[in-house]
Protein backbone atom coordinates (compact mmCIF):
# COMPACT_ATOMS: atom_id res chain seq x y z
CA MET A 1 -17.36 -27.92 3.60
CA THR A 2 -14.94 -30.10 6.19
CA GLN A 3 -12.62 -29.03 9.02
CA THR A 4 -9.38 -30.38 6.78
CA GLN A 5 -11.41 -28.27 3.40
CA THR A 6 -11.14 -25.11 5.44
CA THR A 7 -8.30 -25.26 6.50
CA ALA A 8 -6.46 -26.16 3.01
CA THR A 9 -8.38 -23.43 1.15
CA THR A 10 -7.25 -21.17 3.96
CA GLU A 11 -3.84 -21.99 3.66
CA GLY A 12 -3.92 -22.28 -0.03
CA ALA A 13 -5.71 -18.32 0.18
CA ASP A 14 -2.83 -17.53 2.89
CA ASN A 15 0.51 -18.73 0.13
CA GLU A 16 -1.28 -17.04 -2.79
CA ILE A 17 1.55 -14.48 -4.41
CA CYS A 18 0.39 -11.10 -5.63
CA LEU A 19 3.53 -9.64 -5.89
CA GLU A 20 6.98 -10.70 -6.08
CA ALA A 21 10.43 -8.79 -6.13
CA ARG A 22 14.00 -10.89 -6.97
CA ASN A 23 17.25 -8.88 -6.58
CA LEU A 24 15.64 -5.52 -6.63
CA SER A 25 18.06 -2.91 -6.92
CA VAL A 26 17.31 1.02 -6.32
CA ARG A 27 20.17 4.18 -6.54
CA TYR A 28 20.00 7.70 -6.69
CA GLY A 29 23.07 8.59 -8.42
CA LYS A 30 26.04 7.03 -6.80
CA VAL A 31 23.57 6.50 -3.54
CA GLN A 32 22.74 2.96 -3.17
CA ALA A 33 19.05 3.50 -1.40
CA VAL A 34 17.74 0.06 -2.12
CA LYS A 35 20.49 -3.33 -2.40
CA ASP A 36 19.08 -6.95 -3.86
CA ILE A 37 15.91 -7.37 -2.07
CA SER A 38 14.43 -10.58 -2.57
CA LEU A 39 10.32 -10.01 -1.06
CA VAL A 40 7.20 -12.05 -1.49
CA VAL A 41 4.47 -10.00 -1.31
CA ARG A 42 1.28 -12.49 -0.36
CA ALA A 43 -2.49 -11.92 -1.58
CA ARG A 44 -5.13 -10.22 0.19
CA GLN A 45 -3.16 -9.86 3.42
CA VAL A 46 -1.51 -6.62 5.08
CA THR A 47 2.39 -6.78 4.71
CA ALA A 48 4.03 -4.04 6.77
CA LEU A 49 7.67 -2.62 6.02
CA ILE A 50 9.65 -1.40 9.10
CA GLY A 51 12.84 0.12 9.61
CA PRO A 52 14.34 3.63 10.97
CA SER A 53 14.56 5.91 8.45
CA GLY A 54 16.70 6.21 5.69
CA CYS A 55 16.67 2.07 5.47
CA GLY A 56 15.28 2.02 1.89
CA LYS A 57 11.44 1.10 2.54
CA SER A 58 9.32 3.34 1.11
CA THR A 59 12.24 3.49 -2.10
CA PHE A 60 10.90 -0.28 -1.97
CA LEU A 61 7.24 0.50 -1.97
CA ARG A 62 7.86 3.39 -4.35
CA ALA A 63 9.57 1.21 -7.00
CA ILE A 64 6.90 -1.91 -6.76
CA ASN A 65 4.31 0.79 -9.17
CA ARG A 66 6.91 2.78 -10.83
CA MET A 67 7.16 6.14 -9.10
CA ASN A 68 10.86 6.01 -9.09
CA ASP A 69 10.37 6.27 -12.58
CA LEU A 70 9.85 10.41 -12.05
CA ILE A 71 13.31 10.72 -10.59
CA PRO A 72 15.76 11.28 -13.34
CA THR A 73 19.31 9.99 -11.66
CA CYS A 74 16.89 6.75 -10.40
CA VAL A 75 18.09 3.79 -11.92
CA VAL A 76 16.42 0.46 -11.01
CA GLN A 77 17.51 -3.45 -11.16
CA GLY A 78 16.23 -6.73 -10.96
CA SER A 79 12.60 -7.96 -11.53
CA VAL A 80 8.77 -7.14 -9.78
CA ARG A 81 6.35 -9.47 -10.82
CA LEU A 82 2.64 -8.98 -10.15
CA GLY A 83 0.78 -11.96 -11.24
CA GLU A 84 2.51 -12.87 -15.04
CA THR A 85 3.20 -9.46 -15.40
CA GLU A 86 7.29 -8.24 -15.40
CA ILE A 87 6.71 -4.11 -14.40
CA TYR A 88 10.11 -2.88 -15.70
CA ASP A 89 9.02 -5.12 -19.22
CA PRO A 90 9.82 -1.87 -21.18
CA ALA A 91 6.23 -2.92 -22.74
CA VAL A 92 4.16 -2.51 -19.42
CA GLU A 93 2.18 0.75 -19.77
CA VAL A 94 2.99 2.74 -16.49
CA GLU A 95 -0.57 4.31 -16.45
CA ALA A 96 -2.38 1.14 -16.35
CA LEU A 97 0.03 -0.84 -14.10
CA ARG A 98 -0.80 2.14 -11.75
CA ALA A 99 -4.45 1.36 -12.11
CA ARG A 100 -3.93 -1.97 -10.71
CA ILE A 101 -1.44 -0.58 -8.12
CA GLY A 102 -2.93 2.01 -5.72
CA MET A 103 -0.90 4.34 -3.94
CA VAL A 104 -2.21 6.36 -0.55
CA PHE A 105 1.24 8.78 0.14
CA GLN A 106 2.13 9.89 4.45
CA LYS A 107 0.66 13.71 3.85
CA PRO A 108 -2.89 13.79 2.37
CA ASN A 109 -3.37 14.60 -1.25
CA PRO A 110 -6.50 14.90 -2.17
CA PHE A 111 -7.17 16.98 -6.06
CA ALA A 112 -7.50 20.89 -6.25
CA THR A 113 -11.60 19.96 -7.41
CA SER A 114 -14.65 18.37 -5.59
CA ILE A 115 -14.83 14.86 -3.62
CA TYR A 116 -16.58 13.25 -6.32
CA ASN A 117 -13.63 14.10 -9.28
CA ASN A 118 -10.96 13.77 -6.62
CA VAL A 119 -12.85 9.92 -6.36
CA ALA A 120 -14.61 9.36 -10.24
CA TYR A 121 -10.75 10.76 -12.19
CA GLY A 122 -9.14 7.37 -12.21
CA PRO A 123 -12.16 5.74 -13.41
CA ARG A 124 -12.21 8.30 -16.10
CA VAL A 125 -8.86 8.32 -17.14
CA GLN A 126 -9.02 4.42 -17.22
CA GLY A 127 -11.75 4.53 -19.57
CA LEU A 128 -13.75 2.29 -16.90
CA VAL A 129 -17.09 3.87 -16.86
CA ARG A 130 -19.52 5.08 -19.83
CA HIS A 131 -21.90 7.25 -18.16
CA ARG A 132 -23.01 9.50 -15.51
CA ARG A 133 -25.07 6.90 -13.74
CA GLU A 134 -21.90 4.13 -14.17
CA THR A 135 -19.55 6.98 -12.22
CA ASP A 136 -21.91 7.79 -9.65
CA GLU A 137 -22.23 4.64 -8.53
CA ARG A 138 -18.49 3.72 -8.87
CA VAL A 139 -17.97 7.15 -7.03
CA GLU A 140 -20.54 6.10 -4.06
CA LYS A 141 -19.10 2.61 -3.53
CA SER A 142 -15.68 3.58 -3.46
CA LEU A 143 -16.51 6.05 -1.14
CA ARG A 144 -18.23 3.50 1.27
CA ARG A 145 -15.00 1.17 1.11
CA ALA A 146 -13.45 4.24 2.67
CA GLY A 147 -16.11 4.65 5.25
CA LEU A 148 -16.67 7.66 3.77
CA TRP A 149 -20.02 8.06 2.33
CA ASP A 150 -22.50 8.74 5.02
CA GLU A 151 -20.02 12.25 5.80
CA VAL A 152 -19.88 13.51 2.07
CA LYS A 153 -23.35 12.00 0.56
CA ASP A 154 -24.54 15.61 0.67
CA ARG A 155 -21.33 17.55 0.12
CA LEU A 156 -19.43 15.98 -3.12
CA LYS A 157 -19.64 19.16 -4.69
CA GLU A 158 -17.45 20.59 -2.30
CA SER A 159 -13.73 20.97 -2.46
CA GLY A 160 -11.94 18.14 -1.24
CA THR A 161 -9.75 20.04 0.17
CA SER A 162 -12.49 21.02 2.55
CA LEU A 163 -12.25 17.64 4.48
CA SER A 164 -10.57 17.45 7.84
CA GLY A 165 -7.00 15.47 8.02
CA GLY A 166 -8.24 12.18 8.20
CA GLN A 167 -11.48 12.57 6.18
CA GLN A 168 -8.75 13.63 3.19
CA GLN A 169 -6.84 10.74 3.57
CA ARG A 170 -9.94 8.50 3.39
CA LEU A 171 -10.56 10.59 0.08
CA CYS A 172 -7.01 9.71 -0.77
CA ILE A 173 -7.80 5.78 -0.28
CA ALA A 174 -11.28 5.95 -1.82
CA ARG A 175 -9.34 7.69 -5.02
CA ALA A 176 -6.60 5.11 -4.68
CA ILE A 177 -9.35 1.67 -4.92
CA ALA A 178 -11.97 3.47 -7.56
CA ALA A 179 -10.30 2.13 -10.20
CA ASP A 180 -10.83 -1.23 -8.16
CA PRO A 181 -6.78 -2.31 -8.16
CA GLU A 182 -5.31 -5.53 -6.79
CA VAL A 183 -3.03 -3.72 -4.71
CA VAL A 184 -2.58 -1.04 -2.59
CA LEU A 185 0.33 0.91 -1.29
CA MET A 186 0.19 2.81 1.59
CA ASP A 187 3.00 4.67 2.64
CA GLU A 188 3.06 6.52 6.38
CA PRO A 189 -0.67 7.42 5.92
CA CYS A 190 -1.86 8.02 9.08
CA SER A 191 1.86 9.80 10.56
CA ALA A 192 0.39 12.94 9.79
CA LEU A 193 -3.32 12.12 12.12
CA ASP A 194 -4.28 12.17 15.58
CA PRO A 195 -5.05 9.53 17.28
CA ILE A 196 -9.02 9.24 16.10
CA ALA A 197 -8.33 9.51 12.71
CA THR A 198 -5.57 6.81 12.47
CA ALA A 199 -7.87 4.36 14.68
CA ARG A 200 -10.19 5.01 11.32
CA ILE A 201 -7.48 4.25 8.96
CA GLU A 202 -6.24 1.26 10.94
CA ASP A 203 -9.85 -0.05 10.82
CA LEU A 204 -10.30 0.39 7.23
CA MET A 205 -6.86 -1.53 6.95
CA ASP A 206 -8.57 -4.06 8.39
CA GLU A 207 -11.86 -4.07 6.02
CA LEU A 208 -9.73 -3.51 2.67
CA ARG A 209 -7.75 -6.93 2.81
CA ALA A 210 -10.50 -8.88 2.34
CA ARG A 211 -10.47 -7.57 -1.51
CA TYR A 212 -6.83 -6.13 -1.94
CA THR A 213 -3.19 -6.86 -1.15
CA ILE A 214 -2.22 -4.19 1.35
CA VAL A 215 1.52 -3.12 2.18
CA ILE A 216 2.05 -0.58 4.42
CA VAL A 217 5.65 1.51 4.97
CA THR A 218 5.43 2.39 9.05
CA HIS A 219 7.68 3.91 11.51
CA SER A 220 5.76 2.43 13.98
CA MET A 221 5.76 -0.97 14.97
CA GLN A 222 2.97 -1.10 17.37
CA GLN A 223 0.68 0.03 14.05
CA ALA A 224 2.72 -3.00 12.42
CA ALA A 225 1.39 -5.35 15.00
CA ARG A 226 -2.06 -4.43 14.83
CA VAL A 227 -2.69 -4.30 11.51
CA SER A 228 -0.12 -6.50 9.46
CA LYS A 229 -0.01 -10.28 9.00
CA ARG A 230 3.63 -10.18 7.70
CA THR A 231 6.07 -7.66 8.56
CA ALA A 232 9.76 -6.66 6.67
CA PHE A 233 12.05 -4.89 8.37
CA PHE A 234 14.68 -3.02 6.73
CA LEU A 235 17.90 -2.29 7.67
CA LEU A 236 20.49 0.09 5.66
CA GLY A 237 18.83 -0.81 1.92
CA GLU A 238 18.56 -4.23 2.96
CA LEU A 239 15.60 -6.73 3.81
CA VAL A 240 16.81 -8.21 6.83
CA GLU A 241 14.39 -10.32 8.02
CA GLU A 242 10.38 -11.40 6.87
CA GLY A 243 7.68 -13.62 8.27
CA ALA A 244 4.64 -13.48 9.99
CA THR A 245 4.13 -10.14 11.68
CA GLY A 246 3.74 -12.64 15.46
CA GLU A 247 6.85 -14.37 14.98
CA VAL A 248 8.95 -10.96 13.80
CA PHE A 249 8.22 -8.69 16.60
CA THR A 250 8.35 -11.43 19.71
CA ASN A 251 11.21 -14.37 18.12
CA PRO A 252 12.83 -12.95 15.65
CA GLN A 253 15.90 -14.65 13.75
CA ASP A 254 17.93 -11.90 13.51
CA GLU A 255 20.06 -9.83 16.21
CA ARG A 256 19.60 -6.59 13.91
CA THR A 257 15.49 -7.75 14.23
CA LEU A 258 15.69 -8.19 17.90
CA ASN A 259 17.52 -4.54 18.17
CA TYR A 260 15.19 -3.41 16.56
CA VAL A 261 11.83 -4.56 18.06
CA THR A 262 13.13 -3.81 21.31
CA GLY A 263 14.05 -0.21 20.79
CA ARG A 264 17.86 -1.62 21.32
CA MET A 265 18.22 0.72 18.08
CA GLY A 266 16.32 3.30 16.57
């Protein structure tokens, strides 16, 4: 392949759209949490959502896989497309959608069952495995991708809650990817972890992005700069600016972004 062909292929991959929100608004009762957001998320990249507390970034993240459906007062307007699927179409089965869009939460939340069953649960529910051998293979593959297999391969019958905090979060990542989703959402996945465990999760994200589209909410601008290719800055429920991470941090186009990334705004 020539250099020109390689460049064209790379640019094509960089521009492939995985998710697209159009005029998305989310309201909890009378509180407008997200206002008319349009955002493209490119495939097989890490996109970071940054902004101060209460700016709407976690609400936006939960809207991507319809976690907000669980809140009775929540009203969602607008469009979110995953490939050719409009995820808010009434015909869409939410459980099938969440198999395509995995999620990792701020606090590690392994099920109160064995390490093995934590990872096997999703594939079993989705009918992706039929026999024990298939389940074993998927569990091992997911734990390997999550960088946890060597630490737990002799402990698969032990409870997932017996692991350390960092191991529990990697177990939750293994659980999220076990159904082979297209997208992995991460809501502050390192906020409860020590620096060593945080570094492991960041290294893991770098490995996983070759296979999955990752969207991460983080309060740490340093983390966003380390792990993401693109960054979106939220403020007061609005999307202020989105672009290549290096540009957002070094040459932002909006003064509000500049104030936030330079610490003038908390």
